[in-house]
Amino acid sequence: MTNVELALEGTWRVLIASLLLGAGLPLVFSLGVRALAIGSAPDEDRLHPNLLGTVLATLCFAVVLAGIALGITFIVASGFGKALSFEHIYPVLVDKH
């Protein structure tokens, strides 16, 4: 491989990670806010929330909170000499090698 191919491979990885973490979480949050408005129609100056919209919004907000918790865990763990491992389905704190 040439240096240009290696640089482009690394660039794609950074681009994907930045889209997922940098724009992905705000997008999911905005979808949650939008889901709260699904099916709600004003009735005598009050809004009656729809169960489907509430459930979808709760799921979106849970994904955002999980992403924030993983980010904070990653930062704090690195300060204690640990690393966040994704070898299994769920993240685990392990000693740095």
PDB file of N, CA and C in Angstrom:
ATOM      1  N   MET A   1       0.831  -1.189   0.000  1.00  0.00           N
ATOM      2  CA  MET A   1       0.000   0.000   0.000  1.00  0.00           C
ATOM      3  C   MET A   1       0.872   1.247   0.000  1.00  0.00           C
ATOM      4  N   THR A   2       0.363   2.230  -0.668  1.00  0.00           N
ATOM      5  CA  THR A   2       1.089   3.492  -0.685  1.00  0.00           C
ATOM      6  C   THR A   2       0.655   4.341   0.507  1.00  0.00           C
ATOM      7  N   ASN A   3       1.381   5.387   0.722  1.00  0.00           N
ATOM      8  CA  ASN A   3       1.064   6.279   1.841  1.00  0.00           C
ATOM      9  C   ASN A   3      -0.293   6.946   1.659  1.00  0.00           C
ATOM     10  N   VAL A   4      -0.662   7.239   0.420  1.00  0.00           N
ATOM     11  CA  VAL A   4      -1.951   7.882   0.162  1.00  0.00           C
ATOM     12  C   VAL A   4      -3.087   6.931   0.525  1.00  0.00           C
ATOM     13  N   GLU A   5      -2.958   5.654   0.157  1.00  0.00           N
ATOM     14  CA  GLU A   5      -4.002   4.683   0.490  1.00  0.00           C
ATOM     15  C   GLU A   5      -4.135   4.496   2.000  1.00  0.00           C
ATOM     16  N   LEU A   6      -3.010   4.463   2.695  1.00  0.00           N
ATOM     17  CA  LEU A   6      -3.053   4.345   4.154  1.00  0.00           C
ATOM     18  C   LEU A   6      -3.700   5.572   4.786  1.00  0.00           C
ATOM     19  N   ALA A   7      -3.383   6.759   4.275  1.00  0.00           N
ATOM     20  CA  ALA A   7      -3.978   7.985   4.818  1.00  0.00           C
ATOM     21  C   ALA A   7      -5.476   8.025   4.561  1.00  0.00           C
ATOM     22  N   LEU A   8      -5.902   7.609   3.377  1.00  0.00           N
ATOM     23  CA  LEU A   8      -7.333   7.609   3.062  1.00  0.00           C
ATOM     24  C   LEU A   8      -8.083   6.583   3.902  1.00  0.00           C
ATOM     25  N   GLU A   9      -7.459   5.450   4.177  1.00  0.00           N
ATOM     26  CA  GLU A   9      -8.112   4.442   5.024  1.00  0.00           C
ATOM     27  C   GLU A   9      -8.337   4.988   6.432  1.00  0.00           C
ATOM     28  N   GLY A  10      -7.346   5.657   6.974  1.00  0.00           N
ATOM     29  CA  GLY A  10      -7.496   6.259   8.289  1.00  0.00           C
ATOM     30  C   GLY A  10      -8.503   7.397   8.296  1.00  0.00           C
ATOM     31  N   THR A  11      -8.548   8.152   7.201  1.00  0.00           N
ATOM     32  CA  THR A  11      -9.491   9.259   7.099  1.00  0.00           C
ATOM     33  C   THR A  11     -10.926   8.762   7.114  1.00  0.00           C
ATOM     34  N   TRP A  12     -11.198   7.669   6.409  1.00  0.00           N
ATOM     35  CA  TRP A  12     -12.555   7.120   6.403  1.00  0.00           C
ATOM     36  C   TRP A  12     -12.986   6.668   7.783  1.00  0.00           C
ATOM     37  N   ARG A  13     -12.071   6.087   8.527  1.00  0.00           N
ATOM     38  CA  ARG A  13     -12.414   5.642   9.887  1.00  0.00           C
ATOM     39  C   ARG A  13     -12.739   6.827  10.792  1.00  0.00           C
ATOM     40  N   VAL A  14     -11.964   7.875  10.682  1.00  0.00           N
ATOM     41  CA  VAL A  14     -12.225   9.075  11.479  1.00  0.00           C
ATOM     42  C   VAL A  14     -13.539   9.716  11.056  1.00  0.00           C
ATOM     43  N   LEU A  15     -13.820   9.737   9.769  1.00  0.00           N
ATOM     44  CA  LEU A  15     -15.058  10.319   9.268  1.00  0.00           C
ATOM     45  C   LEU A  15     -16.272   9.560   9.777  1.00  0.00           C
ATOM     46  N   ILE A  16     -16.225   8.259   9.737  1.00  0.00           N
ATOM     47  CA  ILE A  16     -17.354   7.446  10.212  1.00  0.00           C
ATOM     48  C   ILE A  16     -17.560   7.628  11.712  1.00  0.00           C
ATOM     49  N   ALA A  17     -16.470   7.608  12.479  1.00  0.00           N
ATOM     50  CA  ALA A  17     -16.584   7.790  13.926  1.00  0.00           C
ATOM     51  C   ALA A  17     -17.127   9.179  14.269  1.00  0.00           C
ATOM     52  N   SER A  18     -16.681  10.203  13.549  1.00  0.00           N
ATOM     53  CA  SER A  18     -17.162  11.554  13.850  1.00  0.00           C
ATOM     54  C   SER A  18     -18.623  11.723  13.472  1.00  0.00           C
ATOM     55  N   LEU A  19     -19.055  11.076  12.386  1.00  0.00           N
ATOM     56  CA  LEU A  19     -20.471  11.146  12.025  1.00  0.00           C
ATOM     57  C   LEU A  19     -21.345  10.425  13.041  1.00  0.00           C
ATOM     58  N   LEU A  20     -20.888   9.264  13.503  1.00  0.00           N
ATOM     59  CA  LEU A  20     -21.681   8.512  14.473  1.00  0.00           C
ATOM     60  C   LEU A  20     -21.749   9.217  15.821  1.00  0.00           C
ATOM     61  N   LEU A  21     -20.621   9.685  16.302  1.00  0.00           N
ATOM     62  CA  LEU A  21     -20.586  10.272  17.639  1.00  0.00           C
ATOM     63  C   LEU A  21     -20.855  11.776  17.624  1.00  0.00           C
ATOM     64  N   GLY A  22     -20.363  12.456  16.632  1.00  0.00           N
ATOM     65  CA  GLY A  22     -20.518  13.905  16.595  1.00  0.00           C
ATOM     66  C   GLY A  22     -21.883  14.354  16.127  1.00  0.00           C
ATOM     67  N   ALA A  23     -22.426  13.693  15.126  1.00  0.00           N
ATOM     68  CA  ALA A  23     -23.733  14.079  14.599  1.00  0.00           C
ATOM     69  C   ALA A  23     -24.802  13.051  14.917  1.00  0.00           C
ATOM     70  N   GLY A  24     -24.410  11.849  15.248  1.00  0.00           N
ATOM     71  CA  GLY A  24     -25.375  10.786  15.485  1.00  0.00           C
ATOM     72  C   GLY A  24     -26.194  10.975  16.746  1.00  0.00           C
ATOM     73  N   LEU A  25     -25.542  11.313  17.842  1.00  0.00           N
ATOM     74  CA  LEU A  25     -26.272  11.489  19.100  1.00  0.00           C
ATOM     75  C   LEU A  25     -27.205  12.701  19.065  1.00  0.00           C
ATOM     76  N   PRO A  26     -26.785  13.844  18.535  1.00  0.00           N
ATOM     77  CA  PRO A  26     -27.763  14.941  18.408  1.00  0.00           C
ATOM     78  C   PRO A  26     -28.920  14.598  17.474  1.00  0.00           C
ATOM     79  N   LEU A  27     -28.646  13.807  16.434  1.00  0.00           N
ATOM     80  CA  LEU A  27     -29.719  13.384  15.532  1.00  0.00           C
ATOM     81  C   LEU A  27     -30.725  12.495  16.255  1.00  0.00           C
ATOM     82  N   VAL A  28     -30.233  11.555  17.048  1.00  0.00           N
ATOM     83  CA  VAL A  28     -31.130  10.672  17.804  1.00  0.00           C
ATOM     84  C   VAL A  28     -31.925  11.475  18.830  1.00  0.00           C
ATOM     85  N   PHE A  29     -31.277  12.457  19.459  1.00  0.00           N
ATOM     86  CA  PHE A  29     -31.983  13.306  20.415  1.00  0.00           C
ATOM     87  C   PHE A  29     -33.097  14.093  19.720  1.00  0.00           C
ATOM     88  N   SER A  30     -32.793  14.647  18.551  1.00  0.00           N
ATOM     89  CA  SER A  30     -33.815  15.412  17.836  1.00  0.00           C
ATOM     90  C   SER A  30     -34.956  14.511  17.372  1.00  0.00           C
ATOM     91  N   LEU A  31     -34.656  13.264  17.013  1.00  0.00           N
ATOM     92  CA  LEU A  31     -35.717  12.316  16.673  1.00  0.00           C
ATOM     93  C   LEU A  31     -36.595  12.017  17.883  1.00  0.00           C
ATOM     94  N   GLY A  32     -35.992  11.973  19.063  1.00  0.00           N
ATOM     95  CA  GLY A  32     -36.764  11.770  20.289  1.00  0.00           C
ATOM     96  C   GLY A  32     -37.695  12.927  20.579  1.00  0.00           C
ATOM     97  N   VAL A  33     -37.197  14.140  20.381  1.00  0.00           N
ATOM     98  CA  VAL A  33     -38.050  15.320  20.589  1.00  0.00           C
ATOM     99  C   VAL A  33     -39.185  15.323  19.570  1.00  0.00           C
ATOM    100  N   ARG A  34     -38.854  14.965  18.335  1.00  0.00           N
ATOM    101  CA  ARG A  34     -39.885  14.917  17.294  1.00  0.00           C
ATOM    102  C   ARG A  34     -40.907  13.816  17.588  1.00  0.00           C
ATOM    103  N   ALA A  35     -40.448  12.698  18.156  1.00  0.00           N
ATOM    104  CA  ALA A  35     -41.358  11.593  18.471  1.00  0.00           C
ATOM    105  C   ALA A  35     -42.365  11.989  19.547  1.00  0.00           C
ATOM    106  N   LEU A  36     -41.985  12.902  20.410  1.00  0.00           N
ATOM    107  CA  LEU A  36     -42.928  13.370  21.424  1.00  0.00           C
ATOM    108  C   LEU A  36     -44.116  14.093  20.802  1.00  0.00           C
ATOM    109  N   ALA A  37     -43.935  14.622  19.598  1.00  0.00           N
ATOM    110  CA  ALA A  37     -45.005  15.358  18.935  1.00  0.00           C
ATOM    111  C   ALA A  37     -45.866  14.473  18.039  1.00  0.00           C
ATOM    112  N   ILE A  38     -45.527  13.188  17.921  1.00  0.00           N
ATOM    113  CA  ILE A  38     -46.298  12.296  17.047  1.00  0.00           C
ATOM    114  C   ILE A  38     -47.714  12.152  17.579  1.00  0.00           C
ATOM    115  N   GLY A  39     -48.655  12.447  16.748  1.00  0.00           N
ATOM    116  CA  GLY A  39     -50.050  12.212  17.080  1.00  0.00           C
ATOM    117  C   GLY A  39     -50.641  13.108  18.141  1.00  0.00           C
ATOM    118  N   SER A  40     -49.908  14.058  18.634  1.00  0.00           N
ATOM    119  CA  SER A  40     -50.479  14.929  19.655  1.00  0.00           C
ATOM    120  C   SER A  40     -51.206  16.078  18.965  1.00  0.00           C
ATOM    121  N   ALA A  41     -52.459  16.200  19.257  1.00  0.00           N
ATOM    122  CA  ALA A  41     -53.271  17.263  18.674  1.00  0.00           C
ATOM    123  C   ALA A  41     -53.871  18.092  19.800  1.00  0.00           C
ATOM    124  N   PRO A  42     -53.925  19.380  19.611  1.00  0.00           N
ATOM    125  CA  PRO A  42     -54.489  20.217  20.680  1.00  0.00           C
ATOM    126  C   PRO A  42     -55.979  19.929  20.864  1.00  0.00           C
ATOM    127  N   ASP A  43     -56.358  19.764  22.100  1.00  0.00           N
ATOM    128  CA  ASP A  43     -57.753  19.524  22.443  1.00  0.00           C
ATOM    129  C   ASP A  43     -58.076  20.362  23.666  1.00  0.00           C
ATOM    130  N   GLU A  44     -58.805  21.416  23.466  1.00  0.00           N
ATOM    131  CA  GLU A  44     -59.172  22.329  24.546  1.00  0.00           C
ATOM    132  C   GLU A  44     -57.936  22.876  25.256  1.00  0.00           C
ATOM    133  N   ASP A  45     -57.017  23.391  24.490  1.00  0.00           N
ATOM    134  CA  ASP A  45     -55.795  24.025  25.003  1.00  0.00           C
ATOM    135  C   ASP A  45     -54.879  23.061  25.749  1.00  0.00           C
ATOM    136  N   ARG A  46     -55.003  21.761  25.520  1.00  0.00           N
ATOM    137  CA  ARG A  46     -54.093  20.777  26.114  1.00  0.00           C
ATOM    138  C   ARG A  46     -53.646  19.802  25.028  1.00  0.00           C
ATOM    139  N   LEU A  47     -52.480  19.244  25.209  1.00  0.00           N
ATOM    140  CA  LEU A  47     -51.979  18.228  24.288  1.00  0.00           C
ATOM    141  C   LEU A  47     -52.131  16.861  24.947  1.00  0.00           C
ATOM    142  N   HIS A  48     -52.651  15.922  24.193  1.00  0.00           N
ATOM    143  CA  HIS A  48     -52.751  14.552  24.678  1.00  0.00           C
ATOM    144  C   HIS A  48     -51.642  13.736  24.017  1.00  0.00           C
ATOM    145  N   PRO A  49     -50.633  13.321  24.769  1.00  0.00           N
ATOM    146  CA  PRO A  49     -49.512  12.596  24.166  1.00  0.00           C
ATOM    147  C   PRO A  49     -49.934  11.212  23.673  1.00  0.00           C
ATOM    148  N   ASN A  50     -49.305  10.790  22.624  1.00  0.00           N
ATOM    149  CA  ASN A  50     -49.545   9.489  22.047  1.00  0.00           C
ATOM    150  C   ASN A  50     -48.584   8.488  22.692  1.00  0.00           C
ATOM    151  N   LEU A  51     -49.059   7.289  22.976  1.00  0.00           N
ATOM    152  CA  LEU A  51     -48.219   6.280  23.634  1.00  0.00           C
ATOM    153  C   LEU A  51     -47.053   5.876  22.746  1.00  0.00           C
ATOM    154  N   LEU A  52     -47.293   5.703  21.448  1.00  0.00           N
ATOM    155  CA  LEU A  52     -46.220   5.315  20.531  1.00  0.00           C
ATOM    156  C   LEU A  52     -45.123   6.372  20.499  1.00  0.00           C
ATOM    157  N   GLY A  53     -45.496   7.630  20.415  1.00  0.00           N
ATOM    158  CA  GLY A  53     -44.503   8.698  20.408  1.00  0.00           C
ATOM    159  C   GLY A  53     -43.710   8.770  21.696  1.00  0.00           C
ATOM    160  N   THR A  54     -44.388   8.528  22.808  1.00  0.00           N
ATOM    161  CA  THR A  54     -43.705   8.548  24.102  1.00  0.00           C
ATOM    162  C   THR A  54     -42.709   7.408  24.220  1.00  0.00           C
ATOM    163  N   VAL A  55     -43.089   6.236  23.749  1.00  0.00           N
ATOM    164  CA  VAL A  55     -42.185   5.075  23.796  1.00  0.00           C
ATOM    165  C   VAL A  55     -40.985   5.291  22.885  1.00  0.00           C
ATOM    166  N   LEU A  56     -41.219   5.783  21.666  1.00  0.00           N
ATOM    167  CA  LEU A  56     -40.109   6.054  20.752  1.00  0.00           C
ATOM    168  C   LEU A  56     -39.175   7.128  21.314  1.00  0.00           C
ATOM    169  N   ALA A  57     -39.744   8.162  21.904  1.00  0.00           N
ATOM    170  CA  ALA A  57     -38.918   9.216  22.492  1.00  0.00           C
ATOM    171  C   ALA A  57     -38.090   8.676  23.654  1.00  0.00           C
ATOM    172  N   THR A  58     -38.698   7.827  24.475  1.00  0.00           N
ATOM    173  CA  THR A  58     -37.970   7.241  25.598  1.00  0.00           C
ATOM    174  C   THR A  58     -36.805   6.389  25.108  1.00  0.00           C
ATOM    175  N   LEU A  59     -37.015   5.619  24.061  1.00  0.00           N
ATOM    176  CA  LEU A  59     -35.933   4.807  23.495  1.00  0.00           C
ATOM    177  C   LEU A  59     -34.814   5.687  22.934  1.00  0.00           C
ATOM    178  N   CYS A  60     -35.176   6.744  22.239  1.00  0.00           N
ATOM    179  CA  CYS A  60     -34.166   7.653  21.695  1.00  0.00           C
ATOM    180  C   CYS A  60     -33.367   8.317  22.805  1.00  0.00           C
ATOM    181  N   PHE A  61     -34.060   8.787  23.838  1.00  0.00           N
ATOM    182  CA  PHE A  61     -33.355   9.428  24.945  1.00  0.00           C
ATOM    183  C   PHE A  61     -32.478   8.432  25.701  1.00  0.00           C
ATOM    184  N   ALA A  62     -32.905   7.179  25.803  1.00  0.00           N
ATOM    185  CA  ALA A  62     -32.091   6.147  26.456  1.00  0.00           C
ATOM    186  C   ALA A  62     -30.808   5.881  25.660  1.00  0.00           C
ATOM    187  N   VAL A  63     -30.903   5.875  24.335  1.00  0.00           N
ATOM    188  CA  VAL A  63     -29.705   5.679  23.503  1.00  0.00           C
ATOM    189  C   VAL A  63     -28.735   6.847  23.692  1.00  0.00           C
ATOM    190  N   VAL A  64     -29.255   8.057  23.745  1.00  0.00           N
ATOM    191  CA  VAL A  64     -28.402   9.233  23.947  1.00  0.00           C
ATOM    192  C   VAL A  64     -27.731   9.180  25.321  1.00  0.00           C
ATOM    193  N   LEU A  65     -28.486   8.847  26.343  1.00  0.00           N
ATOM    194  CA  LEU A  65     -27.903   8.743  27.694  1.00  0.00           C
ATOM    195  C   LEU A  65     -26.862   7.641  27.776  1.00  0.00           C
ATOM    196  N   ALA A  66     -27.091   6.528  27.090  1.00  0.00           N
ATOM    197  CA  ALA A  66     -26.103   5.439  27.071  1.00  0.00           C
ATOM    198  C   ALA A  66     -24.821   5.900  26.378  1.00  0.00           C
ATOM    199  N   GLY A  67     -24.948   6.647  25.290  1.00  0.00           N
ATOM    200  CA  GLY A  67     -23.765   7.166  24.604  1.00  0.00           C
ATOM    201  C   GLY A  67     -22.983   8.134  25.472  1.00  0.00           C
ATOM    202  N   ILE A  68     -23.696   8.986  26.188  1.00  0.00           N
ATOM    203  CA  ILE A  68     -23.035   9.926  27.093  1.00  0.00           C
ATOM    204  C   ILE A  68     -22.338   9.174  28.227  1.00  0.00           C
ATOM    205  N   ALA A  69     -23.009   8.167  28.776  1.00  0.00           N
ATOM    206  CA  ALA A  69     -22.417   7.384  29.865  1.00  0.00           C
ATOM    207  C   ALA A  69     -21.170   6.639  29.393  1.00  0.00           C
ATOM    208  N   LEU A  70     -21.205   6.090  28.176  1.00  0.00           N
ATOM    209  CA  LEU A  70     -20.024   5.410  27.650  1.00  0.00           C
ATOM    210  C   LEU A  70     -18.874   6.385  27.436  1.00  0.00           C
ATOM    211  N   GLY A  71     -19.176   7.582  26.959  1.00  0.00           N
ATOM    212  CA  GLY A  71     -18.133   8.577  26.764  1.00  0.00           C
ATOM    213  C   GLY A  71     -17.477   8.996  28.065  1.00  0.00           C
ATOM    214  N   ILE A  72     -18.290   9.235  29.079  1.00  0.00           N
ATOM    215  CA  ILE A  72     -17.740   9.603  30.391  1.00  0.00           C
ATOM    216  C   ILE A  72     -16.952   8.443  30.982  1.00  0.00           C
ATOM    217  N   THR A  73     -17.459   7.225  30.831  1.00  0.00           N
ATOM    218  CA  THR A  73     -16.747   6.045  31.325  1.00  0.00           C
ATOM    219  C   THR A  73     -15.400   5.902  30.642  1.00  0.00           C
ATOM    220  N   PHE A  74     -15.343   6.131  29.341  1.00  0.00           N
ATOM    221  CA  PHE A  74     -14.089   6.043  28.598  1.00  0.00           C
ATOM    222  C   PHE A  74     -13.073   7.047  29.122  1.00  0.00           C
ATOM    223  N   ILE A  75     -13.508   8.281  29.350  1.00  0.00           N
ATOM    224  CA  ILE A  75     -12.600   9.327  29.817  1.00  0.00           C
ATOM    225  C   ILE A  75     -12.102   9.043  31.227  1.00  0.00           C
ATOM    226  N   VAL A  76     -13.019   8.667  32.126  1.00  0.00           N
ATOM    227  CA  VAL A  76     -12.635   8.409  33.509  1.00  0.00           C
ATOM    228  C   VAL A  76     -11.766   7.153  33.611  1.00  0.00           C
ATOM    229  N   ALA A  77     -12.096   6.127  32.851  1.00  0.00           N
ATOM    230  CA  ALA A  77     -11.330   4.881  32.897  1.00  0.00           C
ATOM    231  C   ALA A  77      -9.896   5.102  32.430  1.00  0.00           C
ATOM    232  N   SER A  78      -9.703   5.923  31.411  1.00  0.00           N
ATOM    233  CA  SER A  78      -8.344   6.172  30.941  1.00  0.00           C
ATOM    234  C   SER A  78      -7.534   6.914  32.000  1.00  0.00           C
ATOM    235  N   GLY A  79      -8.172   7.715  32.831  1.00  0.00           N
ATOM    236  CA  GLY A  79      -7.478   8.395  33.919  1.00  0.00           C
ATOM    237  C   GLY A  79      -7.042   7.453  35.026  1.00  0.00           C
ATOM    238  N   PHE A  80      -7.745   6.340  35.182  1.00  0.00           N
ATOM    239  CA  PHE A  80      -7.397   5.353  36.194  1.00  0.00           C
ATOM    240  C   PHE A  80      -6.538   4.215  35.642  1.00  0.00           C
ATOM    241  N   GLY A  81      -6.060   4.335  34.414  1.00  0.00           N
ATOM    242  CA  GLY A  81      -5.213   3.306  33.830  1.00  0.00           C
ATOM    243  C   GLY A  81      -6.000   2.118  33.301  1.00  0.00           C
ATOM    244  N   LYS A  82      -7.242   2.305  33.033  1.00  0.00           N
ATOM    245  CA  LYS A  82      -8.087   1.234  32.491  1.00  0.00           C
ATOM    246  C   LYS A  82      -8.447   1.574  31.048  1.00  0.00           C
ATOM    247  N   ALA A  83      -9.010   0.588  30.361  1.00  0.00           N
ATOM    248  CA  ALA A  83      -9.474   0.793  28.993  1.00  0.00           C
ATOM    249  C   ALA A  83     -10.867   0.193  28.862  1.00  0.00           C
ATOM    250  N   LEU A  84     -11.622   0.700  27.939  1.00  0.00           N
ATOM    251  CA  LEU A  84     -12.966   0.208  27.678  1.00  0.00           C
ATOM    252  C   LEU A  84     -12.870  -0.800  26.544  1.00  0.00           C
ATOM    253  N   SER A  85     -13.218  -2.048  26.817  1.00  0.00           N
ATOM    254  CA  SER A  85     -13.108  -3.117  25.835  1.00  0.00           C
ATOM    255  C   SER A  85     -14.489  -3.498  25.314  1.00  0.00           C
ATOM    256  N   PHE A  86     -14.588  -3.662  24.007  1.00  0.00           N
ATOM    257  CA  PHE A  86     -15.836  -4.070  23.368  1.00  0.00           C
ATOM    258  C   PHE A  86     -15.699  -5.468  22.771  1.00  0.00           C
ATOM    259  N   GLU A  87     -14.897  -6.326  23.410  1.00  0.00           N
ATOM    260  CA  GLU A  87     -14.713  -7.684  22.896  1.00  0.00           C
ATOM    261  C   GLU A  87     -16.008  -8.483  22.977  1.00  0.00           C
ATOM    262  N   HIS A  88     -16.807  -8.207  23.960  1.00  0.00           N
ATOM    263  CA  HIS A  88     -18.096  -8.886  24.113  1.00  0.00           C
ATOM    264  C   HIS A  88     -19.182  -7.941  23.605  1.00  0.00           C
ATOM    265  N   ILE A  89     -20.395  -8.301  23.742  1.00  0.00           N
ATOM    266  CA  ILE A  89     -21.484  -7.455  23.269  1.00  0.00           C
ATOM    267  C   ILE A  89     -21.569  -6.176  24.111  1.00  0.00           C
ATOM    268  N   TYR A  90     -21.309  -6.272  25.379  1.00  0.00           N
ATOM    269  CA  TYR A  90     -21.388  -5.128  26.280  1.00  0.00           C
ATOM    270  C   TYR A  90     -19.975  -4.640  26.618  1.00  0.00           C
ATOM    271  N   PRO A  91     -19.777  -3.360  26.913  1.00  0.00           N
ATOM    272  CA  PRO A  91     -18.455  -2.834  27.232  1.00  0.00           C
ATOM    273  C   PRO A  91     -17.992  -3.271  28.621  1.00  0.00           C
ATOM    274  N   VAL A  92     -16.679  -3.528  28.725  1.00  0.00           N
ATOM    275  CA  VAL A  92     -16.071  -3.976  29.975  1.00  0.00           C
ATOM    276  C   VAL A  92     -14.808  -3.154  30.214  1.00  0.00           C
ATOM    277  N   LEU A  93     -14.541  -2.799  31.470  1.00  0.00           N
ATOM    278  CA  LEU A  93     -13.310  -2.121  31.822  1.00  0.00           C
ATOM    279  C   LEU A  93     -12.215  -3.165  32.039  1.00  0.00           C
ATOM    280  N   VAL A  94     -11.070  -2.966  31.357  1.00  0.00           N
ATOM    281  CA  VAL A  94      -9.928  -3.875  31.483  1.00  0.00           C
ATOM    282  C   VAL A  94      -8.679  -3.033  31.725  1.00  0.00           C
ATOM    283  N   ASP A  95      -7.618  -3.681  32.215  1.00  0.00           N
ATOM    284  CA  ASP A  95      -6.341  -3.005  32.398  1.00  0.00           C
ATOM    285  C   ASP A  95      -5.739  -2.690  31.031  1.00  0.00           C
ATOM    286  N   LYS A  96      -5.037  -1.548  30.948  1.00  0.00           N
ATOM    287  CA  LYS A  96      -4.349  -1.209  29.699  1.00  0.00           C
ATOM    288  C   LYS A  96      -3.161  -2.140  29.521  1.00  0.00           C
ATOM    289  N   HIS A  97      -2.871  -2.445  28.285  1.00  0.00           N
ATOM    290  CA  HIS A  97      -1.732  -3.343  27.999  1.00  0.00           C
ATOM    291  C   HIS A  97      -0.466  -2.587  27.919  1.00  0.00           C
TER     292      HIS A  97
END
